[in-house]
Amino acid sequence: MPIASPRYAFTATMVSGAPPDPGVFALWEGEELIYYGRAHSIQFRLQEHLGRAGSCTARATHYGWEISSTPPTREAELLREYQRAHGRLPRCNARMA
């Protein structure tokens, strides 16, 4: 099951409202899901992605998140689900694989 979160604009102001809790997050560029990630602090990790000029996720326009007690397990589940549905990983995850 995909992340059950609304999509928020991927801006510094909106990211400041993300939780500091552990979990997973998704980044979109327009309507395309481009990245799934995990974090000890969702807010901190999203802030890191905001400051990465030149990276694959630099063009992200929206994000969503989900608190999880086991972020690595949940991230792996999301990536497997995406790969089954689309025959590939999200494009920024594929670059990092």
N, C-alpha and C. Protein backbone atom coordinates (compact mmCIF):
# COMPACT_ATOMS: atom_id res chain seq x y z
N MET A 1 0.85 -1.17 0.00
CA MET A 1 0.00 0.00 0.00
C MET A 1 0.89 1.24 0.00
N PRO A 2 0.66 2.20 -0.91
CA PRO A 2 1.48 3.42 -0.96
C PRO A 2 1.35 4.23 0.33
N ILE A 3 2.19 5.22 0.46
CA ILE A 3 2.14 6.11 1.61
C ILE A 3 0.76 6.76 1.66
N ALA A 4 0.13 6.68 2.81
CA ALA A 4 -1.21 7.24 3.00
C ALA A 4 -1.10 8.65 3.56
N SER A 5 -0.66 9.55 2.74
CA SER A 5 -0.45 10.93 3.16
C SER A 5 -0.88 11.85 2.03
N PRO A 6 -1.37 13.01 2.37
CA PRO A 6 -1.59 13.98 1.30
C PRO A 6 -0.25 14.41 0.71
N ARG A 7 -0.29 15.03 -0.43
CA ARG A 7 0.92 15.60 -1.02
C ARG A 7 1.01 17.05 -0.58
N TYR A 8 2.21 17.43 -0.18
CA TYR A 8 2.47 18.80 0.23
C TYR A 8 3.48 19.42 -0.73
N ALA A 9 3.39 20.72 -0.94
CA ALA A 9 4.39 21.40 -1.77
C ALA A 9 5.76 21.20 -1.15
N PHE A 10 6.74 20.91 -1.98
CA PHE A 10 8.09 20.66 -1.49
C PHE A 10 8.84 21.98 -1.40
N THR A 11 8.51 22.73 -0.36
CA THR A 11 9.13 24.03 -0.09
C THR A 11 9.63 24.03 1.35
N ALA A 12 10.53 24.94 1.67
CA ALA A 12 11.07 25.01 3.03
C ALA A 12 9.96 25.24 4.05
N THR A 13 9.01 26.09 3.72
CA THR A 13 7.91 26.37 4.65
C THR A 13 7.09 25.13 4.92
N MET A 14 6.75 24.39 3.88
CA MET A 14 5.92 23.19 4.05
C MET A 14 6.71 22.07 4.74
N VAL A 15 7.98 21.92 4.41
CA VAL A 15 8.80 20.89 5.03
C VAL A 15 8.95 21.15 6.53
N SER A 16 8.93 22.42 6.93
CA SER A 16 9.06 22.74 8.36
C SER A 16 7.88 22.17 9.16
N GLY A 17 6.80 21.82 8.49
CA GLY A 17 5.64 21.22 9.15
C GLY A 17 5.67 19.71 9.17
N ALA A 18 6.67 19.10 8.55
CA ALA A 18 6.78 17.63 8.56
C ALA A 18 7.19 17.18 9.96
N PRO A 19 6.84 15.95 10.33
CA PRO A 19 7.17 15.49 11.69
C PRO A 19 8.66 15.20 11.86
N PRO A 20 9.17 15.37 13.07
CA PRO A 20 10.55 15.03 13.35
C PRO A 20 10.72 13.53 13.65
N ASP A 21 9.66 12.77 13.51
CA ASP A 21 9.64 11.35 13.84
C ASP A 21 10.29 10.49 12.77
N PRO A 22 10.63 9.24 13.12
CA PRO A 22 11.16 8.31 12.12
C PRO A 22 10.04 7.86 11.18
N GLY A 23 10.43 7.56 9.96
CA GLY A 23 9.43 7.07 9.00
C GLY A 23 9.96 7.04 7.60
N VAL A 24 9.04 7.07 6.66
CA VAL A 24 9.35 7.05 5.24
C VAL A 24 8.72 8.27 4.58
N PHE A 25 9.23 8.58 3.39
CA PHE A 25 8.68 9.72 2.65
C PHE A 25 8.75 9.43 1.16
N ALA A 26 7.94 10.14 0.42
CA ALA A 26 7.92 10.04 -1.04
C ALA A 26 8.10 11.44 -1.61
N LEU A 27 8.80 11.52 -2.74
CA LEU A 27 8.97 12.78 -3.46
C LEU A 27 8.39 12.61 -4.86
N TRP A 28 7.67 13.61 -5.32
CA TRP A 28 7.10 13.63 -6.66
C TRP A 28 7.64 14.82 -7.44
N GLU A 29 7.76 14.63 -8.73
CA GLU A 29 8.00 15.73 -9.66
C GLU A 29 6.75 15.78 -10.53
N GLY A 30 5.92 16.77 -10.27
CA GLY A 30 4.61 16.80 -10.92
C GLY A 30 3.80 15.60 -10.46
N GLU A 31 3.36 14.79 -11.39
CA GLU A 31 2.57 13.59 -11.06
C GLU A 31 3.41 12.33 -10.94
N GLU A 32 4.69 12.42 -11.25
CA GLU A 32 5.56 11.24 -11.22
C GLU A 32 6.20 11.05 -9.84
N LEU A 33 6.01 9.90 -9.24
CA LEU A 33 6.71 9.57 -8.01
C LEU A 33 8.16 9.28 -8.39
N ILE A 34 9.10 10.04 -7.82
CA ILE A 34 10.50 9.90 -8.23
C ILE A 34 11.39 9.28 -7.16
N TYR A 35 10.92 9.23 -5.90
CA TYR A 35 11.81 8.73 -4.85
C TYR A 35 11.04 8.30 -3.61
N TYR A 36 11.44 7.17 -3.06
CA TYR A 36 11.02 6.75 -1.72
C TYR A 36 12.26 6.76 -0.84
N GLY A 37 12.14 7.29 0.37
CA GLY A 37 13.25 7.30 1.29
C GLY A 37 12.81 7.00 2.70
N ARG A 38 13.79 6.77 3.57
CA ARG A 38 13.53 6.52 4.98
C ARG A 38 14.33 7.51 5.80
N ALA A 39 13.93 7.71 7.05
CA ALA A 39 14.61 8.71 7.86
C ALA A 39 14.41 8.45 9.35
N HIS A 40 15.43 8.86 10.11
CA HIS A 40 15.29 8.88 11.58
C HIS A 40 14.42 10.07 11.96
N SER A 41 14.51 11.15 11.19
CA SER A 41 13.67 12.34 11.34
C SER A 41 13.19 12.72 9.94
N ILE A 42 11.91 12.55 9.70
CA ILE A 42 11.36 12.86 8.38
C ILE A 42 11.66 14.31 8.01
N GLN A 43 11.41 15.22 8.93
CA GLN A 43 11.61 16.64 8.65
C GLN A 43 13.07 16.94 8.29
N PHE A 44 14.01 16.43 9.07
CA PHE A 44 15.42 16.67 8.81
C PHE A 44 15.84 16.13 7.45
N ARG A 45 15.41 14.92 7.13
CA ARG A 45 15.81 14.30 5.86
C ARG A 45 15.23 15.05 4.67
N LEU A 46 13.98 15.51 4.79
CA LEU A 46 13.39 16.30 3.71
C LEU A 46 14.15 17.62 3.53
N GLN A 47 14.57 18.23 4.64
CA GLN A 47 15.35 19.47 4.55
C GLN A 47 16.67 19.22 3.83
N GLU A 48 17.28 18.06 4.06
CA GLU A 48 18.51 17.72 3.35
C GLU A 48 18.26 17.62 1.84
N HIS A 49 17.15 17.01 1.45
CA HIS A 49 16.83 16.90 0.02
C HIS A 49 16.57 18.27 -0.60
N LEU A 50 15.98 19.19 0.14
CA LEU A 50 15.74 20.54 -0.38
C LEU A 50 17.04 21.24 -0.76
N GLY A 51 18.10 20.99 -0.03
CA GLY A 51 19.36 21.69 -0.27
C GLY A 51 20.30 21.00 -1.22
N ARG A 52 19.85 20.01 -1.96
CA ARG A 52 20.75 19.23 -2.82
C ARG A 52 20.65 19.63 -4.28
N ALA A 53 21.18 20.76 -4.61
CA ALA A 53 21.20 21.19 -6.00
C ALA A 53 21.97 20.17 -6.83
N GLY A 54 21.44 19.84 -7.98
CA GLY A 54 22.12 18.91 -8.87
C GLY A 54 21.78 17.45 -8.63
N SER A 55 21.15 17.14 -7.52
CA SER A 55 20.79 15.74 -7.28
C SER A 55 19.50 15.40 -8.03
N CYS A 56 19.23 14.13 -8.13
CA CYS A 56 18.04 13.68 -8.85
C CYS A 56 16.76 14.23 -8.22
N THR A 57 16.76 14.38 -6.90
CA THR A 57 15.55 14.83 -6.21
C THR A 57 15.41 16.35 -6.17
N ALA A 58 16.37 17.08 -6.71
CA ALA A 58 16.35 18.55 -6.65
C ALA A 58 15.13 19.15 -7.35
N ARG A 59 14.54 18.43 -8.29
CA ARG A 59 13.39 18.97 -9.03
C ARG A 59 12.05 18.51 -8.46
N ALA A 60 12.09 17.90 -7.29
CA ALA A 60 10.85 17.45 -6.66
C ALA A 60 9.93 18.64 -6.41
N THR A 61 8.64 18.42 -6.62
CA THR A 61 7.65 19.49 -6.44
C THR A 61 6.74 19.23 -5.24
N HIS A 62 6.61 17.97 -4.82
CA HIS A 62 5.71 17.60 -3.73
C HIS A 62 6.32 16.48 -2.90
N TYR A 63 5.81 16.34 -1.69
CA TYR A 63 6.25 15.23 -0.85
C TYR A 63 5.08 14.73 -0.01
N GLY A 64 5.25 13.52 0.50
CA GLY A 64 4.32 12.92 1.45
C GLY A 64 5.15 12.11 2.44
N TRP A 65 4.56 11.76 3.57
CA TRP A 65 5.31 11.03 4.59
C TRP A 65 4.40 10.09 5.35
N GLU A 66 5.06 9.19 6.07
CA GLU A 66 4.36 8.22 6.91
C GLU A 66 5.28 7.87 8.08
N ILE A 67 4.80 8.02 9.27
CA ILE A 67 5.58 7.63 10.45
C ILE A 67 5.63 6.11 10.50
N SER A 68 6.79 5.58 10.85
CA SER A 68 6.97 4.12 10.91
C SER A 68 7.95 3.78 12.03
N SER A 69 7.67 2.70 12.73
CA SER A 69 8.61 2.24 13.76
C SER A 69 9.77 1.46 13.14
N THR A 70 9.61 1.05 11.88
CA THR A 70 10.66 0.30 11.18
C THR A 70 10.85 0.89 9.77
N PRO A 71 11.43 2.09 9.67
CA PRO A 71 11.58 2.73 8.36
C PRO A 71 12.26 1.89 7.29
N PRO A 72 13.36 1.16 7.59
CA PRO A 72 13.99 0.38 6.51
C PRO A 72 13.05 -0.69 5.95
N THR A 73 12.30 -1.33 6.81
CA THR A 73 11.36 -2.37 6.37
C THR A 73 10.25 -1.76 5.52
N ARG A 74 9.70 -0.64 5.97
CA ARG A 74 8.61 0.01 5.23
C ARG A 74 9.11 0.54 3.89
N GLU A 75 10.32 1.10 3.86
CA GLU A 75 10.88 1.59 2.59
C GLU A 75 11.03 0.44 1.61
N ALA A 76 11.57 -0.68 2.06
CA ALA A 76 11.74 -1.84 1.19
C ALA A 76 10.40 -2.33 0.64
N GLU A 77 9.39 -2.31 1.49
CA GLU A 77 8.04 -2.72 1.06
C GLU A 77 7.52 -1.78 -0.02
N LEU A 78 7.68 -0.48 0.18
CA LEU A 78 7.22 0.50 -0.82
C LEU A 78 7.95 0.33 -2.15
N LEU A 79 9.26 0.10 -2.08
CA LEU A 79 10.04 -0.08 -3.31
C LEU A 79 9.65 -1.36 -4.05
N ARG A 80 9.43 -2.45 -3.30
CA ARG A 80 8.99 -3.71 -3.94
C ARG A 80 7.63 -3.53 -4.61
N GLU A 81 6.73 -2.87 -3.92
CA GLU A 81 5.39 -2.63 -4.46
C GLU A 81 5.45 -1.79 -5.73
N TYR A 82 6.26 -0.75 -5.72
CA TYR A 82 6.41 0.11 -6.89
C TYR A 82 7.00 -0.67 -8.06
N GLN A 83 8.04 -1.46 -7.77
CA GLN A 83 8.69 -2.23 -8.83
C GLN A 83 7.73 -3.25 -9.43
N ARG A 84 6.93 -3.89 -8.60
CA ARG A 84 5.93 -4.84 -9.13
C ARG A 84 4.92 -4.15 -10.04
N ALA A 85 4.49 -2.97 -9.66
CA ALA A 85 3.47 -2.25 -10.42
C ALA A 85 4.02 -1.62 -11.70
N HIS A 86 5.29 -1.19 -11.69
CA HIS A 86 5.83 -0.42 -12.82
C HIS A 86 7.00 -1.10 -13.54
N GLY A 87 7.47 -2.22 -13.01
CA GLY A 87 8.58 -2.91 -13.66
C GLY A 87 9.93 -2.24 -13.48
N ARG A 88 10.00 -1.29 -12.58
CA ARG A 88 11.24 -0.54 -12.33
C ARG A 88 11.09 0.17 -10.98
N LEU A 89 12.21 0.68 -10.49
CA LEU A 89 12.19 1.50 -9.29
C LEU A 89 11.86 2.95 -9.66
N PRO A 90 11.41 3.77 -8.69
CA PRO A 90 11.28 5.21 -8.98
C PRO A 90 12.63 5.72 -9.49
N ARG A 91 12.63 6.67 -10.41
CA ARG A 91 13.85 7.03 -11.12
C ARG A 91 14.99 7.47 -10.23
N CYS A 92 14.74 8.16 -9.14
CA CYS A 92 15.85 8.59 -8.27
C CYS A 92 16.34 7.45 -7.38
N ASN A 93 15.48 6.50 -7.05
CA ASN A 93 15.96 5.31 -6.33
C ASN A 93 16.82 4.46 -7.25
N ALA A 94 16.45 4.38 -8.53
CA ALA A 94 17.21 3.57 -9.48
C ALA A 94 18.62 4.13 -9.65
N ARG A 95 18.78 5.44 -9.62
CA ARG A 95 20.09 6.07 -9.76
C ARG A 95 20.98 5.77 -8.57
N MET A 96 20.37 5.54 -7.42
CA MET A 96 21.14 5.30 -6.20
C MET A 96 21.37 3.83 -5.93
N ALA A 97 20.72 2.97 -6.70
CA ALA A 97 20.83 1.51 -6.48
C ALA A 97 22.15 0.97 -6.96
